[in-house]
Amino acid sequence: GISIDLSPVLPVCFSDGEWTKRLED
């Protein structure tokens, strides 16, 4: 039962089609 700071992780997404539309926001 803890919280971990993962904010240093850099997320980069790869997508297409409908997934792209859902990630635009």
PDB file of all heavy atoms in Angstrom:
ATOM      1  N   GLY A   1       0.813  -1.208   0.000  1.00  0.00           N
ATOM      2  CA  GLY A   1       0.000   0.000   0.000  1.00  0.00           C
ATOM      3  C   GLY A   1       0.847   1.258   0.000  1.00  0.00           C
ATOM      4  O   GLY A   1       1.068   1.876   1.056  1.00  0.00           O
ATOM      5  N   ILE A   2       1.343   1.648  -1.149  1.00  0.00           N
ATOM      6  CA  ILE A   2       2.227   2.810  -1.256  1.00  0.00           C
ATOM      7  C   ILE A   2       1.904   3.569  -2.551  1.00  0.00           C
ATOM      8  O   ILE A   2       1.145   3.105  -3.399  1.00  0.00           O
ATOM      9  CB  ILE A   2       3.714   2.400  -1.285  1.00  0.00           C
ATOM     10  CG1 ILE A   2       3.976   1.452  -2.466  1.00  0.00           C
ATOM     11  CG2 ILE A   2       4.131   1.759   0.031  1.00  0.00           C
ATOM     12  CD1 ILE A   2       5.448   1.104  -2.653  1.00  0.00           C
ATOM     13  N   SER A   3       2.507   4.746  -2.674  1.00  0.00           N
ATOM     14  CA  SER A   3       2.477   5.495  -3.919  1.00  0.00           C
ATOM     15  C   SER A   3       3.904   5.641  -4.426  1.00  0.00           C
ATOM     16  O   SER A   3       4.826   5.912  -3.633  1.00  0.00           O
ATOM     17  CB  SER A   3       1.855   6.882  -3.708  1.00  0.00           C
ATOM     18  OG  SER A   3       0.480   6.778  -3.424  1.00  0.00           O
ATOM     19  N   ILE A   4       4.091   5.469  -5.719  1.00  0.00           N
ATOM     20  CA  ILE A   4       5.406   5.566  -6.335  1.00  0.00           C
ATOM     21  C   ILE A   4       5.419   6.755  -7.289  1.00  0.00           C
ATOM     22  O   ILE A   4       4.456   6.979  -8.031  1.00  0.00           O
ATOM     23  CB  ILE A   4       5.759   4.277  -7.111  1.00  0.00           C
ATOM     24  CG1 ILE A   4       5.794   3.082  -6.153  1.00  0.00           C
ATOM     25  CG2 ILE A   4       7.087   4.404  -7.820  1.00  0.00           C
ATOM     26  CD1 ILE A   4       6.078   1.771  -6.846  1.00  0.00           C
ATOM     27  N   ASP A   5       6.517   7.493  -7.282  1.00  0.00           N
ATOM     28  CA  ASP A   5       6.649   8.629  -8.185  1.00  0.00           C
ATOM     29  C   ASP A   5       7.238   8.144  -9.509  1.00  0.00           C
ATOM     30  O   ASP A   5       8.431   7.876  -9.617  1.00  0.00           O
ATOM     31  CB  ASP A   5       7.560   9.692  -7.560  1.00  0.00           C
ATOM     32  CG  ASP A   5       7.682  10.931  -8.446  1.00  0.00           C
ATOM     33  OD1 ASP A   5       6.989  10.986  -9.494  1.00  0.00           O
ATOM     34  OD2 ASP A   5       8.463  11.829  -8.098  1.00  0.00           O
ATOM     35  N   LEU A   6       6.380   8.013 -10.508  1.00  0.00           N
ATOM     36  CA  LEU A   6       6.827   7.604 -11.838  1.00  0.00           C
ATOM     37  C   LEU A   6       6.813   8.777 -12.818  1.00  0.00           C
ATOM     38  O   LEU A   6       6.898   8.573 -14.036  1.00  0.00           O
ATOM     39  CB  LEU A   6       5.920   6.490 -12.376  1.00  0.00           C
ATOM     40  CG  LEU A   6       5.964   5.152 -11.622  1.00  0.00           C
ATOM     41  CD1 LEU A   6       5.004   4.151 -12.268  1.00  0.00           C
ATOM     42  CD2 LEU A   6       7.385   4.579 -11.620  1.00  0.00           C
ATOM     43  N   SER A   7       6.745  10.003 -12.281  1.00  0.00           N
ATOM     44  CA  SER A   7       6.716  11.167 -13.160  1.00  0.00           C
ATOM     45  C   SER A   7       7.989  11.338 -13.989  1.00  0.00           C
ATOM     46  O   SER A   7       7.923  11.943 -15.070  1.00  0.00           O
ATOM     47  CB  SER A   7       6.431  12.435 -12.352  1.00  0.00           C
ATOM     48  OG  SER A   7       7.444  12.671 -11.389  1.00  0.00           O
ATOM     49  N   PRO A   8       9.170  10.814 -13.558  1.00  0.00           N
ATOM     50  CA  PRO A   8      10.348  10.933 -14.419  1.00  0.00           C
ATOM     51  C   PRO A   8      10.271  10.091 -15.692  1.00  0.00           C
ATOM     52  O   PRO A   8      11.069  10.289 -16.623  1.00  0.00           O
ATOM     53  CB  PRO A   8      11.495  10.445 -13.517  1.00  0.00           C
ATOM     54  CG  PRO A   8      11.015  10.669 -12.123  1.00  0.00           C
ATOM     55  CD  PRO A   8       9.549  10.366 -12.195  1.00  0.00           C
ATOM     56  N   VAL A   9       9.330   9.140 -15.749  1.00  0.00           N
ATOM     57  CA  VAL A   9       9.190   8.322 -16.951  1.00  0.00           C
ATOM     58  C   VAL A   9       8.656   9.198 -18.087  1.00  0.00           C
ATOM     59  O   VAL A   9       7.719   9.975 -17.909  1.00  0.00           O
ATOM     60  CB  VAL A   9       8.230   7.134 -16.711  1.00  0.00           C
ATOM     61  CG1 VAL A   9       7.973   6.392 -18.017  1.00  0.00           C
ATOM     62  CG2 VAL A   9       8.793   6.197 -15.657  1.00  0.00           C
ATOM     63  N   LEU A  10       9.272   9.062 -19.273  1.00  0.00           N
ATOM     64  CA  LEU A  10       8.806   9.795 -20.446  1.00  0.00           C
ATOM     65  C   LEU A  10       7.947   8.876 -21.300  1.00  0.00           C
ATOM     66  O   LEU A  10       8.449   7.929 -21.899  1.00  0.00           O
ATOM     67  CB  LEU A  10       9.992  10.294 -21.275  1.00  0.00           C
ATOM     68  CG  LEU A  10       9.637  10.953 -22.621  1.00  0.00           C
ATOM     69  CD1 LEU A  10       8.844  12.243 -22.375  1.00  0.00           C
ATOM     70  CD2 LEU A  10      10.887  11.232 -23.448  1.00  0.00           C
ATOM     71  N   PRO A  11       6.621   9.120 -21.378  1.00  0.00           N
ATOM     72  CA  PRO A  11       5.778   8.286 -22.231  1.00  0.00           C
ATOM     73  C   PRO A  11       5.714   8.861 -23.652  1.00  0.00           C
ATOM     74  O   PRO A  11       5.552  10.065 -23.843  1.00  0.00           O
ATOM     75  CB  PRO A  11       4.411   8.363 -21.544  1.00  0.00           C
ATOM     76  CG  PRO A  11       4.407   9.686 -20.848  1.00  0.00           C
ATOM     77  CD  PRO A  11       5.842  10.047 -20.553  1.00  0.00           C
ATOM     78  N   VAL A  12       5.841   7.978 -24.631  1.00  0.00           N
ATOM     79  CA  VAL A  12       5.679   8.346 -26.038  1.00  0.00           C
ATOM     80  C   VAL A  12       4.702   7.348 -26.651  1.00  0.00           C
ATOM     81  O   VAL A  12       4.892   6.128 -26.521  1.00  0.00           O
ATOM     82  CB  VAL A  12       7.014   8.312 -26.799  1.00  0.00           C
ATOM     83  CG1 VAL A  12       6.798   8.685 -28.267  1.00  0.00           C
ATOM     84  CG2 VAL A  12       8.033   9.246 -26.150  1.00  0.00           C
ATOM     85  N   CYS A  13       3.660   7.857 -27.288  1.00  0.00           N
ATOM     86  CA  CYS A  13       2.626   6.979 -27.834  1.00  0.00           C
ATOM     87  C   CYS A  13       2.795   6.778 -29.335  1.00  0.00           C
ATOM     88  O   CYS A  13       3.249   7.678 -30.050  1.00  0.00           O
ATOM     89  CB  CYS A  13       1.237   7.567 -27.575  1.00  0.00           C
ATOM     90  SG  CYS A  13       0.880   7.865 -25.836  1.00  0.00           S
ATOM     91  N   PHE A  14       2.400   5.595 -29.800  1.00  0.00           N
ATOM     92  CA  PHE A  14       2.321   5.288 -31.225  1.00  0.00           C
ATOM     93  C   PHE A  14       0.912   4.769 -31.479  1.00  0.00           C
ATOM     94  O   PHE A  14       0.451   3.860 -30.786  1.00  0.00           O
ATOM     95  CB  PHE A  14       3.358   4.240 -31.620  1.00  0.00           C
ATOM     96  CG  PHE A  14       4.768   4.757 -31.607  1.00  0.00           C
ATOM     97  CD1 PHE A  14       5.506   4.771 -30.433  1.00  0.00           C
ATOM     98  CD2 PHE A  14       5.354   5.232 -32.771  1.00  0.00           C
ATOM     99  CE1 PHE A  14       6.798   5.270 -30.409  1.00  0.00           C
ATOM    100  CE2 PHE A  14       6.644   5.731 -32.757  1.00  0.00           C
ATOM    101  CZ  PHE A  14       7.370   5.746 -31.580  1.00  0.00           C
ATOM    102  N   SER A  15       0.244   5.355 -32.465  1.00  0.00           N
ATOM    103  CA  SER A  15      -1.146   4.985 -32.678  1.00  0.00           C
ATOM    104  C   SER A  15      -1.551   5.211 -34.126  1.00  0.00           C
ATOM    105  O   SER A  15      -0.780   5.681 -34.949  1.00  0.00           O
ATOM    106  CB  SER A  15      -2.056   5.818 -31.763  1.00  0.00           C
ATOM    107  OG  SER A  15      -2.031   7.178 -32.174  1.00  0.00           O
ATOM    108  N   ASP A  16      -2.807   4.863 -34.402  1.00  0.00           N
ATOM    109  CA  ASP A  16      -3.380   5.105 -35.721  1.00  0.00           C
ATOM    110  C   ASP A  16      -4.898   5.081 -35.607  1.00  0.00           C
ATOM    111  O   ASP A  16      -5.455   4.579 -34.628  1.00  0.00           O
ATOM    112  CB  ASP A  16      -2.919   4.037 -36.715  1.00  0.00           C
ATOM    113  CG  ASP A  16      -3.338   4.366 -38.142  1.00  0.00           C
ATOM    114  OD1 ASP A  16      -3.534   5.553 -38.438  1.00  0.00           O
ATOM    115  OD2 ASP A  16      -3.485   3.443 -38.944  1.00  0.00           O
ATOM    116  N   GLY A  17      -5.544   5.620 -36.621  1.00  0.00           N
ATOM    117  CA  GLY A  17      -6.991   5.524 -36.721  1.00  0.00           C
ATOM    118  C   GLY A  17      -7.723   6.063 -35.518  1.00  0.00           C
ATOM    119  O   GLY A  17      -7.468   7.169 -35.033  1.00  0.00           O
ATOM    120  N   GLU A  18      -8.670   5.272 -35.014  1.00  0.00           N
ATOM    121  CA  GLU A  18      -9.513   5.700 -33.908  1.00  0.00           C
ATOM    122  C   GLU A  18      -8.714   5.955 -32.642  1.00  0.00           C
ATOM    123  O   GLU A  18      -9.068   6.812 -31.835  1.00  0.00           O
ATOM    124  CB  GLU A  18     -10.609   4.661 -33.647  1.00  0.00           C
ATOM    125  CG  GLU A  18     -11.659   4.591 -34.729  1.00  0.00           C
ATOM    126  CD  GLU A  18     -12.365   5.927 -34.941  1.00  0.00           C
ATOM    127  OE1 GLU A  18     -12.722   6.577 -33.935  1.00  0.00           O
ATOM    128  OE2 GLU A  18     -12.539   6.318 -36.101  1.00  0.00           O
ATOM    129  N   TRP A  19      -7.645   5.203 -32.439  1.00  0.00           N
ATOM    130  CA  TRP A  19      -6.838   5.407 -31.230  1.00  0.00           C
ATOM    131  C   TRP A  19      -6.257   6.817 -31.221  1.00  0.00           C
ATOM    132  O   TRP A  19      -6.193   7.465 -30.169  1.00  0.00           O
ATOM    133  CB  TRP A  19      -5.722   4.365 -31.141  1.00  0.00           C
ATOM    134  CG  TRP A  19      -6.197   2.963 -30.957  1.00  0.00           C
ATOM    135  CD1 TRP A  19      -5.890   1.878 -31.715  1.00  0.00           C
ATOM    136  CD2 TRP A  19      -7.077   2.473 -29.935  1.00  0.00           C
ATOM    137  NE1 TRP A  19      -6.516   0.747 -31.244  1.00  0.00           N
ATOM    138  CE2 TRP A  19      -7.258   1.083 -30.149  1.00  0.00           C
ATOM    139  CE3 TRP A  19      -7.745   3.069 -28.868  1.00  0.00           C
ATOM    140  CZ2 TRP A  19      -8.068   0.300 -29.336  1.00  0.00           C
ATOM    141  CZ3 TRP A  19      -8.559   2.282 -28.054  1.00  0.00           C
ATOM    142  CH2 TRP A  19      -8.709   0.913 -28.289  1.00  0.00           C
ATOM    143  N   THR A  20      -5.821   7.298 -32.377  1.00  0.00           N
ATOM    144  CA  THR A  20      -5.275   8.653 -32.442  1.00  0.00           C
ATOM    145  C   THR A  20      -6.326   9.675 -32.033  1.00  0.00           C
ATOM    146  O   THR A  20      -6.053  10.594 -31.255  1.00  0.00           O
ATOM    147  CB  THR A  20      -4.774   8.963 -33.866  1.00  0.00           C
ATOM    148  OG1 THR A  20      -3.722   8.046 -34.208  1.00  0.00           O
ATOM    149  CG2 THR A  20      -4.238  10.378 -33.951  1.00  0.00           C
ATOM    150  N   LYS A  21      -7.529   9.526 -32.531  1.00  0.00           N
ATOM    151  CA  LYS A  21      -8.608  10.462 -32.208  1.00  0.00           C
ATOM    152  C   LYS A  21      -8.871  10.481 -30.701  1.00  0.00           C
ATOM    153  O   LYS A  21      -9.146  11.532 -30.120  1.00  0.00           O
ATOM    154  CB  LYS A  21      -9.879  10.088 -32.953  1.00  0.00           C
ATOM    155  CG  LYS A  21      -9.775  10.243 -34.466  1.00  0.00           C
ATOM    156  CD  LYS A  21     -11.072   9.819 -35.146  1.00  0.00           C
ATOM    157  CE  LYS A  21     -10.956   9.931 -36.659  1.00  0.00           C
ATOM    158  NZ  LYS A  21     -12.197   9.472 -37.343  1.00  0.00           N
ATOM    159  N   ARG A  22      -8.772   9.314 -30.072  1.00  0.00           N
ATOM    160  CA  ARG A  22      -9.073   9.226 -28.642  1.00  0.00           C
ATOM    161  C   ARG A  22      -7.931   9.760 -27.775  1.00  0.00           C
ATOM    162  O   ARG A  22      -8.114   9.980 -26.582  1.00  0.00           O
ATOM    163  CB  ARG A  22      -9.406   7.782 -28.266  1.00  0.00           C
ATOM    164  CG  ARG A  22     -10.657   7.264 -28.945  1.00  0.00           C
ATOM    165  CD  ARG A  22     -10.990   5.859 -28.521  1.00  0.00           C
ATOM    166  NE  ARG A  22     -11.334   5.783 -27.109  1.00  0.00           N
ATOM    167  CZ  ARG A  22     -11.696   4.666 -26.489  1.00  0.00           C
ATOM    168  NH1 ARG A  22     -11.776   3.527 -27.176  1.00  0.00           N
ATOM    169  NH2 ARG A  22     -11.984   4.654 -25.204  1.00  0.00           N
ATOM    170  N   LEU A  23      -6.764   9.958 -28.379  1.00  0.00           N
ATOM    171  CA  LEU A  23      -5.614  10.465 -27.626  1.00  0.00           C
ATOM    172  C   LEU A  23      -5.376  11.951 -27.844  1.00  0.00           C
ATOM    173  O   LEU A  23      -4.536  12.559 -27.175  1.00  0.00           O
ATOM    174  CB  LEU A  23      -4.349   9.692 -28.019  1.00  0.00           C
ATOM    175  CG  LEU A  23      -4.290   8.229 -27.578  1.00  0.00           C
ATOM    176  CD1 LEU A  23      -3.127   7.518 -28.265  1.00  0.00           C
ATOM    177  CD2 LEU A  23      -4.145   8.128 -26.054  1.00  0.00           C
ATOM    178  N   GLU A  24      -6.121  12.539 -28.757  1.00  0.00           N
ATOM    179  CA  GLU A  24      -5.882  13.938 -29.107  1.00  0.00           C
ATOM    180  C   GLU A  24      -6.101  14.895 -27.946  1.00  0.00           C
ATOM    181  O   GLU A  24      -5.475  15.955 -27.884  1.00  0.00           O
ATOM    182  CB  GLU A  24      -6.786  14.345 -30.276  1.00  0.00           C
ATOM    183  CG  GLU A  24      -6.325  13.805 -31.616  1.00  0.00           C
ATOM    184  CD  GLU A  24      -7.255  14.183 -32.740  1.00  0.00           C
ATOM    185  OE1 GLU A  24      -8.486  14.298 -32.485  1.00  0.00           O
ATOM    186  OE2 GLU A  24      -6.758  14.372 -33.863  1.00  0.00           O
ATOM    187  N   ASP A  25      -6.971  14.541 -27.013  1.00  0.00           N
ATOM    188  CA  ASP A  25      -7.260  15.458 -25.907  1.00  0.00           C
ATOM    189  C   ASP A  25      -6.172  15.481 -24.848  1.00  0.00           C
ATOM    190  O   ASP A  25      -6.152  16.380 -24.002  1.00  0.00           O
ATOM    191  CB  ASP A  25      -8.609  15.119 -25.264  1.00  0.00           C
ATOM    192  CG  ASP A  25      -8.613  13.743 -24.624  1.00  0.00           C
ATOM    193  OD1 ASP A  25      -7.836  12.881 -25.098  1.00  0.00           O
ATOM    194  OD2 ASP A  25      -9.391  13.516 -23.672  1.00  0.00           O
TER     195      ASP A  25
END
